[in-house]
Amino acid sequence: MKEVLLVFVIAILAIFIEPPQEDSFQESKARGAIIYQDFCASCHLPSGEGVPEVYPPLANSDYLLTNKTGSIRGIKFGQRGPMVVNGSTYDNTMMPLGLEDKEIADVMNFVLSSWGNSTEKMVTPKEVAAVGPR
């Protein structure tokens, strides 16, 4: 009887406890492309070029590639005050988008691998969760 109960408990645990699965970089970027279109493209434009003197470019962006934590923080908590992107100063406000950590990681993975930006390192939800406000 104890053996049957043990097998039953193990079977129940196997059903409800799944090992965590890492998303692939490609899956994350695909989800990020959808999030970008829904939340970002209206200001930064569909091809990431931004609007001169108003919204900074995400395409070929030196800021994104050298300030990943600041970029995550801007998406997560909003962005205020001047910033220099590709040699031009932008001083506008971006409100927080209300995205979950996984969504922020996905959109970062999309942007960091689009329009001339290149990264080999995937942004993870855990990395996003570790970024707090200033």
N, C-alpha and C. Protein backbone atom coordinates (compact mmCIF):
# COMPACT_ATOMS: atom_id res chain seq x y z
N MET A 1 0.82 -1.20 0.00
CA MET A 1 0.00 0.00 0.00
C MET A 1 0.86 1.26 0.00
N LYS A 2 1.95 1.26 0.79
CA LYS A 2 2.83 2.42 0.84
C LYS A 2 3.48 2.67 -0.52
N GLU A 3 3.81 1.60 -1.23
CA GLU A 3 4.43 1.74 -2.54
C GLU A 3 3.47 2.38 -3.54
N VAL A 4 2.21 1.99 -3.49
CA VAL A 4 1.21 2.56 -4.37
C VAL A 4 1.03 4.04 -4.06
N LEU A 5 1.00 4.39 -2.80
CA LEU A 5 0.85 5.78 -2.39
C LEU A 5 2.06 6.61 -2.84
N LEU A 6 3.24 6.04 -2.71
CA LEU A 6 4.46 6.73 -3.14
C LEU A 6 4.44 6.98 -4.65
N VAL A 7 4.05 5.99 -5.43
CA VAL A 7 3.95 6.14 -6.87
C VAL A 7 2.91 7.22 -7.21
N PHE A 8 1.80 7.21 -6.52
CA PHE A 8 0.75 8.20 -6.73
C PHE A 8 1.26 9.62 -6.45
N VAL A 9 1.96 9.81 -5.36
CA VAL A 9 2.49 11.13 -4.99
C VAL A 9 3.50 11.59 -6.03
N ILE A 10 4.37 10.70 -6.46
CA ILE A 10 5.37 11.06 -7.48
C ILE A 10 4.68 11.43 -8.78
N ALA A 11 3.65 10.71 -9.17
CA ALA A 11 2.92 11.02 -10.40
C ALA A 11 2.26 12.39 -10.31
N ILE A 12 1.66 12.70 -9.18
CA ILE A 12 1.02 14.01 -8.99
C ILE A 12 2.07 15.11 -9.07
N LEU A 13 3.18 14.93 -8.41
CA LEU A 13 4.25 15.94 -8.46
C LEU A 13 4.77 16.13 -9.88
N ALA A 14 4.91 15.06 -10.61
CA ALA A 14 5.40 15.15 -11.99
C ALA A 14 4.43 15.94 -12.87
N ILE A 15 3.17 15.85 -12.59
CA ILE A 15 2.17 16.57 -13.37
C ILE A 15 2.22 18.07 -13.08
N PHE A 16 2.34 18.43 -11.81
CA PHE A 16 2.22 19.83 -11.41
C PHE A 16 3.54 20.59 -11.31
N ILE A 17 4.63 19.88 -11.23
CA ILE A 17 5.92 20.56 -11.11
C ILE A 17 6.71 20.32 -12.38
N GLU A 18 6.84 21.38 -13.17
CA GLU A 18 7.60 21.30 -14.40
C GLU A 18 8.92 22.03 -14.18
N PRO A 19 10.00 21.52 -14.72
CA PRO A 19 11.25 22.25 -14.60
C PRO A 19 11.14 23.55 -15.39
N PRO A 20 11.78 24.63 -14.90
CA PRO A 20 11.70 25.88 -15.65
C PRO A 20 12.33 25.73 -17.02
N GLN A 21 11.66 26.29 -18.01
CA GLN A 21 12.17 26.20 -19.37
C GLN A 21 12.60 27.58 -19.83
N GLU A 22 13.79 27.66 -20.34
CA GLU A 22 14.28 28.91 -20.88
C GLU A 22 13.71 29.11 -22.28
N ASP A 23 13.21 30.29 -22.52
CA ASP A 23 12.78 30.62 -23.87
C ASP A 23 14.00 30.76 -24.75
N SER A 24 13.84 30.47 -25.99
CA SER A 24 14.95 30.70 -26.90
C SER A 24 15.01 32.18 -27.22
N PHE A 25 16.18 32.62 -27.62
CA PHE A 25 16.39 34.02 -28.00
C PHE A 25 15.45 34.38 -29.14
N GLN A 26 15.27 33.48 -30.11
CA GLN A 26 14.40 33.75 -31.25
C GLN A 26 12.94 33.93 -30.82
N GLU A 27 12.47 33.08 -29.89
CA GLU A 27 11.09 33.21 -29.40
C GLU A 27 10.90 34.54 -28.67
N SER A 28 11.88 34.92 -27.86
CA SER A 28 11.82 36.18 -27.13
C SER A 28 11.77 37.36 -28.09
N LYS A 29 12.62 37.35 -29.12
CA LYS A 29 12.63 38.44 -30.09
C LYS A 29 11.31 38.52 -30.86
N ALA A 30 10.72 37.39 -31.17
CA ALA A 30 9.44 37.39 -31.89
C ALA A 30 8.33 38.01 -31.04
N ARG A 31 8.29 37.66 -29.76
CA ARG A 31 7.31 38.28 -28.87
C ARG A 31 7.61 39.77 -28.72
N GLY A 32 8.90 40.10 -28.64
CA GLY A 32 9.31 41.50 -28.50
C GLY A 32 8.90 42.35 -29.68
N ALA A 33 8.92 41.78 -30.88
CA ALA A 33 8.50 42.52 -32.07
C ALA A 33 7.04 42.93 -31.97
N ILE A 34 6.21 42.06 -31.44
CA ILE A 34 4.79 42.36 -31.27
C ILE A 34 4.61 43.44 -30.21
N ILE A 35 5.32 43.32 -29.11
CA ILE A 35 5.25 44.32 -28.05
C ILE A 35 5.73 45.67 -28.57
N TYR A 36 6.81 45.66 -29.34
CA TYR A 36 7.33 46.91 -29.91
C TYR A 36 6.27 47.59 -30.76
N GLN A 37 5.61 46.85 -31.62
CA GLN A 37 4.57 47.44 -32.47
C GLN A 37 3.43 48.02 -31.64
N ASP A 38 3.08 47.34 -30.55
CA ASP A 38 1.96 47.78 -29.72
C ASP A 38 2.30 48.98 -28.83
N PHE A 39 3.53 49.05 -28.32
CA PHE A 39 3.85 50.04 -27.29
C PHE A 39 4.89 51.09 -27.71
N CYS A 40 5.72 50.80 -28.67
CA CYS A 40 6.89 51.65 -28.93
C CYS A 40 6.89 52.33 -30.30
N ALA A 41 6.33 51.67 -31.29
CA ALA A 41 6.45 52.14 -32.67
C ALA A 41 5.78 53.49 -32.91
N SER A 42 4.78 53.83 -32.12
CA SER A 42 4.10 55.11 -32.35
C SER A 42 5.03 56.30 -32.10
N CYS A 43 6.01 56.16 -31.24
CA CYS A 43 6.97 57.25 -30.99
C CYS A 43 8.31 56.99 -31.69
N HIS A 44 8.83 55.79 -31.55
CA HIS A 44 10.16 55.48 -32.10
C HIS A 44 10.08 55.02 -33.56
N LEU A 45 8.86 54.91 -34.07
CA LEU A 45 8.55 54.57 -35.46
C LEU A 45 8.84 53.09 -35.75
N PRO A 46 8.14 52.53 -36.74
CA PRO A 46 8.26 51.10 -37.01
C PRO A 46 9.68 50.63 -37.33
N SER A 47 10.50 51.49 -37.89
CA SER A 47 11.88 51.07 -38.20
C SER A 47 12.89 51.58 -37.18
N GLY A 48 12.41 52.08 -36.04
CA GLY A 48 13.29 52.44 -34.94
C GLY A 48 14.10 53.71 -35.12
N GLU A 49 13.79 54.51 -36.15
CA GLU A 49 14.62 55.70 -36.39
C GLU A 49 14.28 56.87 -35.47
N GLY A 50 13.18 56.80 -34.73
CA GLY A 50 12.80 57.88 -33.83
C GLY A 50 12.40 59.13 -34.59
N VAL A 51 12.22 60.22 -33.87
CA VAL A 51 11.87 61.51 -34.45
C VAL A 51 12.93 62.50 -34.01
N PRO A 52 13.68 63.08 -34.95
CA PRO A 52 14.77 63.99 -34.58
C PRO A 52 14.32 65.06 -33.57
N GLU A 53 15.12 65.23 -32.56
CA GLU A 53 14.93 66.23 -31.49
C GLU A 53 13.73 65.94 -30.59
N VAL A 54 13.01 64.86 -30.83
CA VAL A 54 11.84 64.54 -30.01
C VAL A 54 11.98 63.17 -29.35
N TYR A 55 12.04 62.11 -30.17
CA TYR A 55 12.16 60.74 -29.67
C TYR A 55 13.44 60.14 -30.19
N PRO A 56 14.30 59.65 -29.32
CA PRO A 56 15.60 59.14 -29.77
C PRO A 56 15.47 57.90 -30.65
N PRO A 57 16.44 57.73 -31.54
CA PRO A 57 16.43 56.52 -32.37
C PRO A 57 16.80 55.30 -31.54
N LEU A 58 16.22 54.19 -31.91
CA LEU A 58 16.61 52.90 -31.35
C LEU A 58 17.48 52.16 -32.37
N ALA A 59 17.38 52.55 -33.62
CA ALA A 59 18.21 51.96 -34.68
C ALA A 59 19.64 52.45 -34.53
N ASN A 60 20.58 51.53 -34.63
CA ASN A 60 22.01 51.86 -34.49
C ASN A 60 22.26 52.75 -33.28
N SER A 61 21.65 52.43 -32.17
CA SER A 61 21.69 53.28 -30.98
C SER A 61 22.89 52.97 -30.09
N ASP A 62 23.79 53.95 -29.97
CA ASP A 62 24.92 53.77 -29.06
C ASP A 62 24.44 53.69 -27.61
N TYR A 63 23.38 54.42 -27.28
CA TYR A 63 22.86 54.41 -25.91
C TYR A 63 22.39 53.01 -25.50
N LEU A 64 21.62 52.37 -26.36
CA LEU A 64 21.12 51.03 -26.04
C LEU A 64 22.25 50.03 -25.81
N LEU A 65 23.26 50.11 -26.65
CA LEU A 65 24.34 49.12 -26.58
C LEU A 65 25.29 49.38 -25.42
N THR A 66 25.41 50.64 -24.97
CA THR A 66 26.34 50.93 -23.88
C THR A 66 25.64 51.16 -22.55
N ASN A 67 24.32 51.25 -22.54
CA ASN A 67 23.58 51.51 -21.31
C ASN A 67 22.34 50.63 -21.25
N LYS A 68 22.58 49.33 -21.24
CA LYS A 68 21.46 48.38 -21.23
C LYS A 68 20.62 48.53 -19.97
N THR A 69 21.26 48.71 -18.82
CA THR A 69 20.51 48.86 -17.57
C THR A 69 19.65 50.12 -17.60
N GLY A 70 20.20 51.21 -18.09
CA GLY A 70 19.43 52.44 -18.21
C GLY A 70 18.27 52.29 -19.18
N SER A 71 18.47 51.54 -20.23
CA SER A 71 17.40 51.29 -21.21
C SER A 71 16.27 50.48 -20.59
N ILE A 72 16.65 49.45 -19.83
CA ILE A 72 15.65 48.63 -19.12
C ILE A 72 14.90 49.52 -18.14
N ARG A 73 15.63 50.32 -17.38
CA ARG A 73 15.01 51.22 -16.39
C ARG A 73 14.03 52.17 -17.07
N GLY A 74 14.39 52.71 -18.23
CA GLY A 74 13.51 53.62 -18.94
C GLY A 74 12.20 52.97 -19.36
N ILE A 75 12.27 51.74 -19.82
CA ILE A 75 11.04 51.02 -20.20
C ILE A 75 10.21 50.69 -18.97
N LYS A 76 10.89 50.27 -17.92
CA LYS A 76 10.21 49.80 -16.71
C LYS A 76 9.60 50.93 -15.89
N PHE A 77 10.35 52.04 -15.73
CA PHE A 77 9.91 53.11 -14.83
C PHE A 77 9.67 54.44 -15.53
N GLY A 78 9.90 54.49 -16.82
CA GLY A 78 9.78 55.74 -17.55
C GLY A 78 11.13 56.44 -17.64
N GLN A 79 11.17 57.47 -18.47
CA GLN A 79 12.43 58.18 -18.72
C GLN A 79 12.13 59.67 -18.70
N ARG A 80 12.89 60.42 -17.91
CA ARG A 80 12.75 61.88 -17.87
C ARG A 80 14.14 62.49 -17.90
N GLY A 81 14.23 63.65 -18.50
CA GLY A 81 15.49 64.38 -18.50
C GLY A 81 16.32 64.09 -19.72
N PRO A 82 17.38 64.88 -19.85
CA PRO A 82 18.20 64.77 -21.07
C PRO A 82 18.97 63.46 -21.16
N MET A 83 19.13 63.02 -22.38
CA MET A 83 19.96 61.85 -22.68
C MET A 83 20.59 62.08 -24.05
N VAL A 84 21.78 61.55 -24.23
CA VAL A 84 22.48 61.71 -25.49
C VAL A 84 22.47 60.37 -26.21
N VAL A 85 21.95 60.38 -27.42
CA VAL A 85 21.89 59.18 -28.25
C VAL A 85 22.51 59.52 -29.60
N ASN A 86 23.52 58.78 -29.97
CA ASN A 86 24.22 58.98 -31.24
C ASN A 86 24.65 60.43 -31.44
N GLY A 87 25.08 61.06 -30.35
CA GLY A 87 25.61 62.42 -30.42
C GLY A 87 24.57 63.52 -30.35
N SER A 88 23.29 63.19 -30.32
CA SER A 88 22.24 64.20 -30.22
C SER A 88 21.58 64.12 -28.85
N THR A 89 21.22 65.27 -28.31
CA THR A 89 20.57 65.32 -27.00
C THR A 89 19.05 65.31 -27.17
N TYR A 90 18.41 64.49 -26.36
CA TYR A 90 16.95 64.38 -26.33
C TYR A 90 16.52 64.68 -24.91
N ASP A 91 15.51 65.51 -24.75
CA ASP A 91 15.02 65.87 -23.43
C ASP A 91 13.50 65.84 -23.45
N ASN A 92 12.97 64.64 -23.36
CA ASN A 92 11.54 64.44 -23.42
C ASN A 92 11.16 63.50 -22.29
N THR A 93 9.91 63.18 -22.17
CA THR A 93 9.43 62.26 -21.13
C THR A 93 8.82 61.03 -21.79
N MET A 94 9.21 59.88 -21.28
CA MET A 94 8.57 58.63 -21.68
C MET A 94 7.94 58.05 -20.41
N MET A 95 6.66 57.86 -20.44
CA MET A 95 5.96 57.32 -19.28
C MET A 95 6.22 55.82 -19.17
N PRO A 96 6.13 55.27 -17.96
CA PRO A 96 6.26 53.81 -17.82
C PRO A 96 5.19 53.12 -18.65
N LEU A 97 5.55 52.00 -19.25
CA LEU A 97 4.64 51.33 -20.17
C LEU A 97 3.75 50.28 -19.50
N GLY A 98 4.04 49.96 -18.25
CA GLY A 98 3.23 48.98 -17.54
C GLY A 98 3.46 47.55 -17.99
N LEU A 99 4.64 47.28 -18.52
CA LEU A 99 4.95 45.93 -19.00
C LEU A 99 5.51 45.07 -17.87
N GLU A 100 5.28 43.77 -17.97
CA GLU A 100 5.85 42.80 -17.04
C GLU A 100 7.34 42.61 -17.37
N ASP A 101 8.10 42.08 -16.42
CA ASP A 101 9.53 41.88 -16.62
C ASP A 101 9.83 41.04 -17.87
N LYS A 102 9.04 40.00 -18.10
CA LYS A 102 9.26 39.15 -19.28
C LYS A 102 9.01 39.94 -20.56
N GLU A 103 7.99 40.78 -20.56
CA GLU A 103 7.69 41.59 -21.74
C GLU A 103 8.81 42.60 -22.01
N ILE A 104 9.35 43.19 -20.94
CA ILE A 104 10.46 44.13 -21.09
C ILE A 104 11.68 43.40 -21.64
N ALA A 105 11.97 42.21 -21.13
CA ALA A 105 13.09 41.43 -21.65
C ALA A 105 12.88 41.12 -23.13
N ASP A 106 11.66 40.75 -23.49
CA ASP A 106 11.37 40.42 -24.90
C ASP A 106 11.57 41.63 -25.81
N VAL A 107 11.05 42.79 -25.41
CA VAL A 107 11.19 43.96 -26.28
C VAL A 107 12.65 44.41 -26.33
N MET A 108 13.36 44.29 -25.24
CA MET A 108 14.80 44.61 -25.27
C MET A 108 15.54 43.67 -26.21
N ASN A 109 15.22 42.39 -26.18
CA ASN A 109 15.88 41.43 -27.07
C ASN A 109 15.58 41.76 -28.54
N PHE A 110 14.35 42.17 -28.81
CA PHE A 110 14.00 42.55 -30.18
C PHE A 110 14.79 43.79 -30.61
N VAL A 111 14.74 44.83 -29.80
CA VAL A 111 15.39 46.10 -30.16
C VAL A 111 16.91 45.94 -30.25
N LEU A 112 17.49 45.19 -29.31
CA LEU A 112 18.94 45.03 -29.30
C LEU A 112 19.46 44.17 -30.45
N SER A 113 18.56 43.57 -31.20
CA SER A 113 19.00 42.74 -32.33
C SER A 113 18.35 43.18 -33.64
N SER A 114 17.89 44.43 -33.68
CA SER A 114 17.24 44.97 -34.87
C SER A 114 17.90 46.26 -35.33
N TRP A 115 17.71 46.60 -36.60
CA TRP A 115 18.08 47.90 -37.16
C TRP A 115 19.55 48.28 -36.96
N GLY A 116 20.43 47.33 -37.10
CA GLY A 116 21.85 47.63 -36.96
C GLY A 116 22.39 47.41 -35.56
N ASN A 117 21.52 47.19 -34.58
CA ASN A 117 21.98 46.83 -33.23
C ASN A 117 22.30 45.34 -33.24
N SER A 118 23.27 44.96 -32.46
CA SER A 118 23.65 43.55 -32.44
C SER A 118 24.08 43.15 -31.04
N THR A 119 23.52 42.08 -30.55
CA THR A 119 23.90 41.53 -29.25
C THR A 119 23.83 40.01 -29.32
N GLU A 120 24.72 39.40 -28.60
CA GLU A 120 24.71 37.94 -28.49
C GLU A 120 24.10 37.50 -27.16
N LYS A 121 24.01 38.43 -26.21
CA LYS A 121 23.57 38.10 -24.86
C LYS A 121 22.09 38.44 -24.71
N MET A 122 21.31 37.45 -24.38
CA MET A 122 19.87 37.59 -24.21
C MET A 122 19.56 38.29 -22.89
N VAL A 123 18.67 39.26 -22.92
CA VAL A 123 18.16 39.89 -21.71
C VAL A 123 17.12 38.94 -21.12
N THR A 124 17.20 38.70 -19.82
CA THR A 124 16.29 37.76 -19.16
C THR A 124 15.34 38.51 -18.23
N PRO A 125 14.18 37.92 -17.95
CA PRO A 125 13.27 38.53 -16.97
C PRO A 125 13.94 38.73 -15.61
N LYS A 126 14.81 37.82 -15.24
CA LYS A 126 15.53 37.95 -13.95
C LYS A 126 16.42 39.20 -13.96
N GLU A 127 17.08 39.46 -15.07
CA GLU A 127 17.91 40.65 -15.21
C GLU A 127 17.05 41.92 -15.12
N VAL A 128 15.88 41.90 -15.76
CA VAL A 128 14.96 43.04 -15.70
C VAL A 128 14.47 43.25 -14.27
N ALA A 129 14.12 42.16 -13.58
CA ALA A 129 13.62 42.26 -12.21
C ALA A 129 14.64 42.89 -11.27
N ALA A 130 15.92 42.71 -11.57
CA ALA A 130 16.98 43.25 -10.71
C ALA A 130 17.17 44.76 -10.88
N VAL A 131 16.59 45.34 -11.92
CA VAL A 131 16.74 46.78 -12.18
C VAL A 131 15.66 47.53 -11.41
N GLY A 132 16.10 48.42 -10.55
CA GLY A 132 15.17 49.23 -9.76
C GLY A 132 15.18 50.66 -10.23
N PRO A 133 14.29 51.48 -9.64
CA PRO A 133 14.29 52.90 -10.00
C PRO A 133 15.56 53.56 -9.48
N ARG A 134 15.84 54.72 -10.00
CA ARG A 134 17.04 55.44 -9.53
C ARG A 134 16.86 55.89 -8.12
